Amino acid sequence: MYGTYCRVCGYKLKFFPWESDNNTPTFEICPCCGAEFGYDDYTPQSVMAYRENWIKSGSKWFDPAKKPDNWSLEKQSYYKKVKCGKI
């Protein structure tokens, strides 16, 4: 069962990064980009800054053991935009 998507990179998580009130972060770490939920994704500005830095540094996986064999940043980003209604 999947939770939701990372606000920074769009990775489909296997847990919920925020509690059901959507105001209480879990402080878990995204296995893809390494964002800490409640810190790196707390404001739209922090999301954009973290995303920009992560992409500029090569979009490296925080936990390479969890990286799917067929992973693609472009595909992941595309699905995030679709999910958020941006396309």
PDB file of N, CA and C in Angstrom:
ATOM      1  N   MET A   1       0.855  -1.181   0.000  1.00  0.00           N
ATOM      2  CA  MET A   1       0.000   0.000   0.000  1.00  0.00           C
ATOM      3  C   MET A   1       0.894   1.236   0.000  1.00  0.00           C
ATOM      4  N   TYR A   2       0.634   2.117  -0.917  1.00  0.00           N
ATOM      5  CA  TYR A   2       1.416   3.334  -1.013  1.00  0.00           C
ATOM      6  C   TYR A   2       0.746   4.472  -0.258  1.00  0.00           C
ATOM      7  N   GLY A   3       1.535   5.405   0.193  1.00  0.00           N
ATOM      8  CA  GLY A   3       1.016   6.571   0.882  1.00  0.00           C
ATOM      9  C   GLY A   3       0.690   7.669  -0.101  1.00  0.00           C
ATOM     10  N   THR A   4       1.649   8.486  -0.375  1.00  0.00           N
ATOM     11  CA  THR A   4       1.462   9.638  -1.245  1.00  0.00           C
ATOM     12  C   THR A   4       2.776   9.911  -1.960  1.00  0.00           C
ATOM     13  N   TYR A   5       2.896  11.078  -2.538  1.00  0.00           N
ATOM     14  CA  TYR A   5       4.098  11.422  -3.291  1.00  0.00           C
ATOM     15  C   TYR A   5       4.964  12.412  -2.514  1.00  0.00           C
ATOM     16  N   CYS A   6       6.260  12.343  -2.733  1.00  0.00           N
ATOM     17  CA  CYS A   6       7.186  13.315  -2.157  1.00  0.00           C
ATOM     18  C   CYS A   6       6.916  14.668  -2.807  1.00  0.00           C
ATOM     19  N   ARG A   7       6.810  15.706  -2.006  1.00  0.00           N
ATOM     20  CA  ARG A   7       6.547  17.056  -2.523  1.00  0.00           C
ATOM     21  C   ARG A   7       7.738  17.598  -3.308  1.00  0.00           C
ATOM     22  N   VAL A   8       8.916  17.084  -3.042  1.00  0.00           N
ATOM     23  CA  VAL A   8      10.125  17.581  -3.690  1.00  0.00           C
ATOM     24  C   VAL A   8      10.358  16.912  -5.041  1.00  0.00           C
ATOM     25  N   CYS A   9      10.383  15.577  -5.059  1.00  0.00           N
ATOM     26  CA  CYS A   9      10.790  14.874  -6.285  1.00  0.00           C
ATOM     27  C   CYS A   9       9.663  14.114  -6.973  1.00  0.00           C
ATOM     28  N   GLY A  10       8.529  13.940  -6.303  1.00  0.00           N
ATOM     29  CA  GLY A  10       7.415  13.232  -6.914  1.00  0.00           C
ATOM     30  C   GLY A  10       7.450  11.726  -6.748  1.00  0.00           C
ATOM     31  N   TYR A  11       8.400  11.215  -5.972  1.00  0.00           N
ATOM     32  CA  TYR A  11       8.500   9.764  -5.777  1.00  0.00           C
ATOM     33  C   TYR A  11       7.271   9.245  -5.034  1.00  0.00           C
ATOM     34  N   LYS A  12       6.723   8.137  -5.516  1.00  0.00           N
ATOM     35  CA  LYS A  12       5.561   7.524  -4.875  1.00  0.00           C
ATOM     36  C   LYS A  12       6.029   6.758  -3.646  1.00  0.00           C
ATOM     37  N   LEU A  13       5.654   7.253  -2.484  1.00  0.00           N
ATOM     38  CA  LEU A  13       6.123   6.720  -1.211  1.00  0.00           C
ATOM     39  C   LEU A  13       5.308   5.522  -0.739  1.00  0.00           C
ATOM     40  N   LYS A  14       5.910   4.717   0.106  1.00  0.00           N
ATOM     41  CA  LYS A  14       5.222   3.575   0.710  1.00  0.00           C
ATOM     42  C   LYS A  14       4.768   3.910   2.126  1.00  0.00           C
ATOM     43  N   PHE A  15       4.729   5.187   2.434  1.00  0.00           N
ATOM     44  CA  PHE A  15       4.296   5.673   3.744  1.00  0.00           C
ATOM     45  C   PHE A  15       3.761   7.089   3.561  1.00  0.00           C
ATOM     46  N   PHE A  16       3.078   7.584   4.561  1.00  0.00           N
ATOM     47  CA  PHE A  16       2.568   8.955   4.526  1.00  0.00           C
ATOM     48  C   PHE A  16       3.589   9.873   5.189  1.00  0.00           C
ATOM     49  N   PRO A  17       4.069  10.908   4.473  1.00  0.00           N
ATOM     50  CA  PRO A  17       5.076  11.795   5.046  1.00  0.00           C
ATOM     51  C   PRO A  17       4.517  12.805   6.047  1.00  0.00           C
ATOM     52  N   TRP A  18       3.216  13.002   6.021  1.00  0.00           N
ATOM     53  CA  TRP A  18       2.548  13.917   6.941  1.00  0.00           C
ATOM     54  C   TRP A  18       1.391  13.169   7.603  1.00  0.00           C
ATOM     55  N   GLU A  19       1.107  13.498   8.851  1.00  0.00           N
ATOM     56  CA  GLU A  19      -0.002  12.866   9.575  1.00  0.00           C
ATOM     57  C   GLU A  19      -1.324  13.242   8.906  1.00  0.00           C
ATOM     58  N   SER A  20      -2.398  12.602   9.310  1.00  0.00           N
ATOM     59  CA  SER A  20      -3.697  12.797   8.661  1.00  0.00           C
ATOM     60  C   SER A  20      -4.209  14.232   8.762  1.00  0.00           C
ATOM     61  N   ASP A  21      -3.710  15.017   9.712  1.00  0.00           N
ATOM     62  CA  ASP A  21      -4.142  16.418   9.807  1.00  0.00           C
ATOM     63  C   ASP A  21      -3.432  17.310   8.786  1.00  0.00           C
ATOM     64  N   ASN A  22      -2.466  16.749   8.041  1.00  0.00           N
ATOM     65  CA  ASN A  22      -1.665  17.466   7.042  1.00  0.00           C
ATOM     66  C   ASN A  22      -0.877  18.640   7.619  1.00  0.00           C
ATOM     67  N   ASN A  23      -0.770  18.715   8.925  1.00  0.00           N
ATOM     68  CA  ASN A  23      -0.006  19.770   9.588  1.00  0.00           C
ATOM     69  C   ASN A  23       1.152  19.220  10.409  1.00  0.00           C
ATOM     70  N   THR A  24       1.137  17.921  10.660  1.00  0.00           N
ATOM     71  CA  THR A  24       2.143  17.298  11.507  1.00  0.00           C
ATOM     72  C   THR A  24       3.038  16.399  10.662  1.00  0.00           C
ATOM     73  N   PRO A  25       4.300  16.801  10.483  1.00  0.00           N
ATOM     74  CA  PRO A  25       5.203  15.985   9.671  1.00  0.00           C
ATOM     75  C   PRO A  25       5.693  14.757  10.421  1.00  0.00           C
ATOM     76  N   THR A  26       6.079  13.750   9.678  1.00  0.00           N
ATOM     77  CA  THR A  26       6.635  12.537  10.284  1.00  0.00           C
ATOM     78  C   THR A  26       8.149  12.619  10.428  1.00  0.00           C
ATOM     79  N   PHE A  27       8.770  13.541   9.718  1.00  0.00           N
ATOM     80  CA  PHE A  27      10.226  13.700   9.683  1.00  0.00           C
ATOM     81  C   PHE A  27      10.925  12.470   9.116  1.00  0.00           C
ATOM     82  N   GLU A  28      10.176  11.683   8.345  1.00  0.00           N
ATOM     83  CA  GLU A  28      10.770  10.569   7.589  1.00  0.00           C
ATOM     84  C   GLU A  28      11.614  11.171   6.472  1.00  0.00           C
ATOM     85  N   ILE A  29      12.403  10.337   5.827  1.00  0.00           N
ATOM     86  CA  ILE A  29      13.285  10.773   4.743  1.00  0.00           C
ATOM     87  C   ILE A  29      12.832  10.126   3.439  1.00  0.00           C
ATOM     88  N   CYS A  30      12.754  10.898   2.368  1.00  0.00           N
ATOM     89  CA  CYS A  30      12.425  10.349   1.050  1.00  0.00           C
ATOM     90  C   CYS A  30      13.602   9.499   0.577  1.00  0.00           C
ATOM     91  N   PRO A  31      13.350   8.243   0.214  1.00  0.00           N
ATOM     92  CA  PRO A  31      14.447   7.396  -0.242  1.00  0.00           C
ATOM     93  C   PRO A  31      15.025   7.836  -1.581  1.00  0.00           C
ATOM     94  N   CYS A  32      14.270   8.626  -2.323  1.00  0.00           N
ATOM     95  CA  CYS A  32      14.736   9.078  -3.632  1.00  0.00           C
ATOM     96  C   CYS A  32      15.624  10.320  -3.507  1.00  0.00           C
ATOM     97  N   CYS A  33      15.058  11.430  -3.058  1.00  0.00           N
ATOM     98  CA  CYS A  33      15.810  12.689  -3.040  1.00  0.00           C
ATOM     99  C   CYS A  33      16.445  13.011  -1.695  1.00  0.00           C
ATOM    100  N   GLY A  34      16.028  12.325  -0.635  1.00  0.00           N
ATOM    101  CA  GLY A  34      16.601  12.561   0.681  1.00  0.00           C
ATOM    102  C   GLY A  34      15.959  13.693   1.457  1.00  0.00           C
ATOM    103  N   ALA A  35      14.857  14.245   0.948  1.00  0.00           N
ATOM    104  CA  ALA A  35      14.176  15.327   1.664  1.00  0.00           C
ATOM    105  C   ALA A  35      13.615  14.819   2.986  1.00  0.00           C
ATOM    106  N   GLU A  36      13.760  15.627   4.018  1.00  0.00           N
ATOM    107  CA  GLU A  36      13.169  15.305   5.315  1.00  0.00           C
ATOM    108  C   GLU A  36      11.807  15.981   5.386  1.00  0.00           C
ATOM    109  N   PHE A  37      10.766  15.164   5.522  1.00  0.00           N
ATOM    110  CA  PHE A  37       9.393  15.686   5.532  1.00  0.00           C
ATOM    111  C   PHE A  37       9.148  16.476   6.805  1.00  0.00           C
ATOM    112  N   GLY A  38       8.732  17.717   6.613  1.00  0.00           N
ATOM    113  CA  GLY A  38       8.511  18.627   7.718  1.00  0.00           C
ATOM    114  C   GLY A  38       9.629  19.637   7.838  1.00  0.00           C
ATOM    115  N   TYR A  39      10.713  19.411   7.143  1.00  0.00           N
ATOM    116  CA  TYR A  39      11.828  20.358   7.143  1.00  0.00           C
ATOM    117  C   TYR A  39      12.097  20.853   5.723  1.00  0.00           C
ATOM    118  N   ASP A  40      12.436  19.917   4.827  1.00  0.00           N
ATOM    119  CA  ASP A  40      12.773  20.299   3.450  1.00  0.00           C
ATOM    120  C   ASP A  40      11.545  20.577   2.600  1.00  0.00           C
ATOM    121  N   ASP A  41      10.364  20.173   3.050  1.00  0.00           N
ATOM    122  CA  ASP A  41       9.145  20.386   2.252  1.00  0.00           C
ATOM    123  C   ASP A  41       8.100  21.196   3.017  1.00  0.00           C
ATOM    124  N   TYR A  42       8.556  22.009   3.949  1.00  0.00           N
ATOM    125  CA  TYR A  42       7.626  22.720   4.819  1.00  0.00           C
ATOM    126  C   TYR A  42       6.917  23.886   4.140  1.00  0.00           C
ATOM    127  N   THR A  43       7.600  24.543   3.218  1.00  0.00           N
ATOM    128  CA  THR A  43       6.996  25.661   2.488  1.00  0.00           C
ATOM    129  C   THR A  43       7.220  25.449   0.992  1.00  0.00           C
ATOM    130  N   PRO A  44       6.423  26.096   0.159  1.00  0.00           N
ATOM    131  CA  PRO A  44       6.679  25.989  -1.290  1.00  0.00           C
ATOM    132  C   PRO A  44       8.099  26.423  -1.660  1.00  0.00           C
ATOM    133  N   GLN A  45       8.608  27.439  -0.970  1.00  0.00           N
ATOM    134  CA  GLN A  45       9.960  27.923  -1.250  1.00  0.00           C
ATOM    135  C   GLN A  45      11.014  26.876  -0.883  1.00  0.00           C
ATOM    136  N   SER A  46      10.810  26.193   0.249  1.00  0.00           N
ATOM    137  CA  SER A  46      11.790  25.178   0.650  1.00  0.00           C
ATOM    138  C   SER A  46      11.743  23.978  -0.294  1.00  0.00           C
ATOM    139  N   VAL A  47      10.557  23.639  -0.785  1.00  0.00           N
ATOM    140  CA  VAL A  47      10.426  22.552  -1.760  1.00  0.00           C
ATOM    141  C   VAL A  47      11.182  22.905  -3.040  1.00  0.00           C
ATOM    142  N   MET A  48      10.945  24.098  -3.552  1.00  0.00           N
ATOM    143  CA  MET A  48      11.595  24.513  -4.799  1.00  0.00           C
ATOM    144  C   MET A  48      13.113  24.592  -4.644  1.00  0.00           C
ATOM    145  N   ALA A  49      13.580  25.105  -3.513  1.00  0.00           N
ATOM    146  CA  ALA A  49      15.021  25.230  -3.284  1.00  0.00           C
ATOM    147  C   ALA A  49      15.675  23.848  -3.181  1.00  0.00           C
ATOM    148  N   TYR A  50      15.056  22.936  -2.433  1.00  0.00           N
ATOM    149  CA  TYR A  50      15.624  21.602  -2.280  1.00  0.00           C
ATOM    150  C   TYR A  50      15.642  20.878  -3.622  1.00  0.00           C
ATOM    151  N   ARG A  51      14.513  20.972  -4.357  1.00  0.00           N
ATOM    152  CA  ARG A  51      14.419  20.318  -5.662  1.00  0.00           C
ATOM    153  C   ARG A  51      15.492  20.832  -6.616  1.00  0.00           C
ATOM    154  N   GLU A  52      15.651  22.141  -6.667  1.00  0.00           N
ATOM    155  CA  GLU A  52      16.645  22.749  -7.552  1.00  0.00           C
ATOM    156  C   GLU A  52      18.058  22.257  -7.207  1.00  0.00           C
ATOM    157  N   ASN A  53      18.387  22.248  -5.927  1.00  0.00           N
ATOM    158  CA  ASN A  53      19.717  21.788  -5.500  1.00  0.00           C
ATOM    159  C   ASN A  53      19.922  20.302  -5.779  1.00  0.00           C
ATOM    160  N   TRP A  54      18.891  19.506  -5.556  1.00  0.00           N
ATOM    161  CA  TRP A  54      18.979  18.063  -5.797  1.00  0.00           C
ATOM    162  C   TRP A  54      19.200  17.776  -7.286  1.00  0.00           C
ATOM    163  N   ILE A  55      18.470  18.460  -8.144  1.00  0.00           N
ATOM    164  CA  ILE A  55      18.620  18.262  -9.594  1.00  0.00           C
ATOM    165  C   ILE A  55      19.985  18.760 -10.054  1.00  0.00           C
ATOM    166  N   LYS A  56      20.413  19.922  -9.562  1.00  0.00           N
ATOM    167  CA  LYS A  56      21.721  20.459  -9.943  1.00  0.00           C
ATOM    168  C   LYS A  56      22.865  19.534  -9.534  1.00  0.00           C
ATOM    169  N   SER A  57      22.663  18.789  -8.449  1.00  0.00           N
ATOM    170  CA  SER A  57      23.717  17.891  -7.970  1.00  0.00           C
ATOM    171  C   SER A  57      23.640  16.511  -8.613  1.00  0.00           C
ATOM    172  N   GLY A  58      22.778  16.355  -9.623  1.00  0.00           N
ATOM    173  CA  GLY A  58      22.732  15.114 -10.379  1.00  0.00           C
ATOM    174  C   GLY A  58      21.575  14.187 -10.048  1.00  0.00           C
ATOM    175  N   SER A  59      20.627  14.626  -9.227  1.00  0.00           N
ATOM    176  CA  SER A  59      19.442  13.820  -8.882  1.00  0.00           C
ATOM    177  C   SER A  59      19.830  12.438  -8.358  1.00  0.00           C
ATOM    178  N   LYS A  60      20.831  12.397  -7.505  1.00  0.00           N
ATOM    179  CA  LYS A  60      21.302  11.121  -6.956  1.00  0.00           C
ATOM    180  C   LYS A  60      20.325  10.595  -5.919  1.00  0.00           C
ATOM    181  N   TRP A  61      20.155   9.283  -5.906  1.00  0.00           N
ATOM    182  CA  TRP A  61      19.270   8.642  -4.943  1.00  0.00           C
ATOM    183  C   TRP A  61      19.878   8.672  -3.553  1.00  0.00           C
ATOM    184  N   PHE A  62      19.075   9.033  -2.582  1.00  0.00           N
ATOM    185  CA  PHE A  62      19.498   9.048  -1.187  1.00  0.00           C
ATOM    186  C   PHE A  62      19.743   7.625  -0.694  1.00  0.00           C
ATOM    187  N   ASP A  63      18.849   6.711  -1.068  1.00  0.00           N
ATOM    188  CA  ASP A  63      18.977   5.291  -0.704  1.00  0.00           C
ATOM    189  C   ASP A  63      19.007   4.470  -1.989  1.00  0.00           C
ATOM    190  N   PRO A  64      20.191   4.304  -2.586  1.00  0.00           N
ATOM    191  CA  PRO A  64      20.303   3.610  -3.879  1.00  0.00           C
ATOM    192  C   PRO A  64      19.724   2.195  -3.878  1.00  0.00           C
ATOM    193  N   ALA A  65      19.680   1.540  -2.737  1.00  0.00           N
ATOM    194  CA  ALA A  65      19.135   0.179  -2.662  1.00  0.00           C
ATOM    195  C   ALA A  65      17.638   0.150  -2.975  1.00  0.00           C
ATOM    196  N   LYS A  66      16.960   1.286  -2.830  1.00  0.00           N
ATOM    197  CA  LYS A  66      15.516   1.356  -3.096  1.00  0.00           C
ATOM    198  C   LYS A  66      15.188   1.899  -4.480  1.00  0.00           C
ATOM    199  N   LYS A  67      16.217   2.215  -5.265  1.00  0.00           N
ATOM    200  CA  LYS A  67      16.000   2.772  -6.604  1.00  0.00           C
ATOM    201  C   LYS A  67      15.493   1.693  -7.556  1.00  0.00           C
ATOM    202  N   PRO A  68      14.322   1.886  -8.172  1.00  0.00           N
ATOM    203  CA  PRO A  68      13.812   0.906  -9.144  1.00  0.00           C
ATOM    204  C   PRO A  68      14.743   0.816 -10.354  1.00  0.00           C
ATOM    205  N   ASP A  69      14.837  -0.354 -10.928  1.00  0.00           N
ATOM    206  CA  ASP A  69      15.714  -0.570 -12.080  1.00  0.00           C
ATOM    207  C   ASP A  69      15.368   0.345 -13.249  1.00  0.00           C
ATOM    208  N   ASN A  70      14.105   0.612 -13.437  1.00  0.00           N
ATOM    209  CA  ASN A  70      13.665   1.405 -14.589  1.00  0.00           C
ATOM    210  C   ASN A  70      13.357   2.856 -14.216  1.00  0.00           C
ATOM    211  N   TRP A  71      13.981   3.366 -13.158  1.00  0.00           N
ATOM    212  CA  TRP A  71      13.686   4.710 -12.679  1.00  0.00           C
ATOM    213  C   TRP A  71      14.111   5.774 -13.677  1.00  0.00           C
ATOM    214  N   SER A  72      13.280   6.795 -13.800  1.00  0.00           N
ATOM    215  CA  SER A  72      13.567   7.927 -14.673  1.00  0.00           C
ATOM    216  C   SER A  72      13.042   9.185 -14.005  1.00  0.00           C
ATOM    217  N   LEU A  73      13.900  10.179 -13.820  1.00  0.00           N
ATOM    218  CA  LEU A  73      13.465  11.447 -13.226  1.00  0.00           C
ATOM    219  C   LEU A  73      12.390  12.101 -14.072  1.00  0.00           C
ATOM    220  N   GLU A  74      12.564  12.047 -15.388  1.00  0.00           N
ATOM    221  CA  GLU A  74      11.588  12.671 -16.275  1.00  0.00           C
ATOM    222  C   GLU A  74      10.210  12.042 -16.116  1.00  0.00           C
ATOM    223  N   LYS A  75      10.168  10.724 -16.063  1.00  0.00           N
ATOM    224  CA  LYS A  75       8.886  10.033 -15.901  1.00  0.00           C
ATOM    225  C   LYS A  75       8.286  10.339 -14.522  1.00  0.00           C
ATOM    226  N   GLN A  76       9.106  10.299 -13.501  1.00  0.00           N
ATOM    227  CA  GLN A  76       8.642  10.577 -12.148  1.00  0.00           C
ATOM    228  C   GLN A  76       8.118  12.008 -12.057  1.00  0.00           C
ATOM    229  N   SER A  77       8.824  12.957 -12.621  1.00  0.00           N
ATOM    230  CA  SER A  77       8.408  14.356 -12.601  1.00  0.00           C
ATOM    231  C   SER A  77       7.119  14.556 -13.393  1.00  0.00           C
ATOM    232  N   TYR A  78       7.002  13.854 -14.531  1.00  0.00           N
ATOM    233  CA  TYR A  78       5.802  13.950 -15.355  1.00  0.00           C
ATOM    234  C   TYR A  78       4.581  13.480 -14.560  1.00  0.00           C
ATOM    235  N   TYR A  79       4.703  12.339 -13.889  1.00  0.00           N
ATOM    236  CA  TYR A  79       3.572  11.824 -13.134  1.00  0.00           C
ATOM    237  C   TYR A  79       3.214  12.730 -11.963  1.00  0.00           C
ATOM    238  N   LYS A  80       4.203  13.380 -11.373  1.00  0.00           N
ATOM    239  CA  LYS A  80       3.928  14.321 -10.294  1.00  0.00           C
ATOM    240  C   LYS A  80       3.103  15.487 -10.835  1.00  0.00           C
ATOM    241  N   LYS A  81       3.454  15.995 -11.999  1.00  0.00           N
ATOM    242  CA  LYS A  81       2.710  17.109 -12.585  1.00  0.00           C
ATOM    243  C   LYS A  81       1.284  16.691 -12.921  1.00  0.00           C
ATOM    244  N   VAL A  82       1.108  15.492 -13.454  1.00  0.00           N
ATOM    245  CA  VAL A  82      -0.229  14.987 -13.779  1.00  0.00           C
ATOM    246  C   VAL A  82      -1.041  14.862 -12.499  1.00  0.00           C
ATOM    247  N   LYS A  83      -0.456  14.270 -11.467  1.00  0.00           N
ATOM    248  CA  LYS A  83      -1.145  14.046 -10.203  1.00  0.00           C
ATOM    249  C   LYS A  83      -1.583  15.380  -9.578  1.00  0.00           C
ATOM    250  N   CYS A  84      -0.754  16.400  -9.720  1.00  0.00           N
ATOM    251  CA  CYS A  84      -1.059  17.709  -9.132  1.00  0.00           C
ATOM    252  C   CYS A  84      -1.913  18.580 -10.051  1.00  0.00           C
ATOM    253  N   GLY A  85      -2.269  18.053 -11.231  1.00  0.00           N
ATOM    254  CA  GLY A  85      -3.105  18.801 -12.148  1.00  0.00           C
ATOM    255  C   GLY A  85      -2.383  19.895 -12.903  1.00  0.00           C
ATOM    256  N   LYS A  86      -1.072  19.770 -13.032  1.00  0.00           N
ATOM    257  CA  LYS A  86      -0.287  20.808 -13.718  1.00  0.00           C
ATOM    258  C   LYS A  86      -0.147  20.543 -15.210  1.00  0.00           C
ATOM    259  N   ILE A  87      -0.593  19.367 -15.680  1.00  0.00           N
ATOM    260  CA  ILE A  87      -0.553  19.062 -17.114  1.00  0.00           C
ATOM    261  C   ILE A  87      -1.966  18.705 -17.545  1.00  0.00           C
TER     262      ILE A  87
END
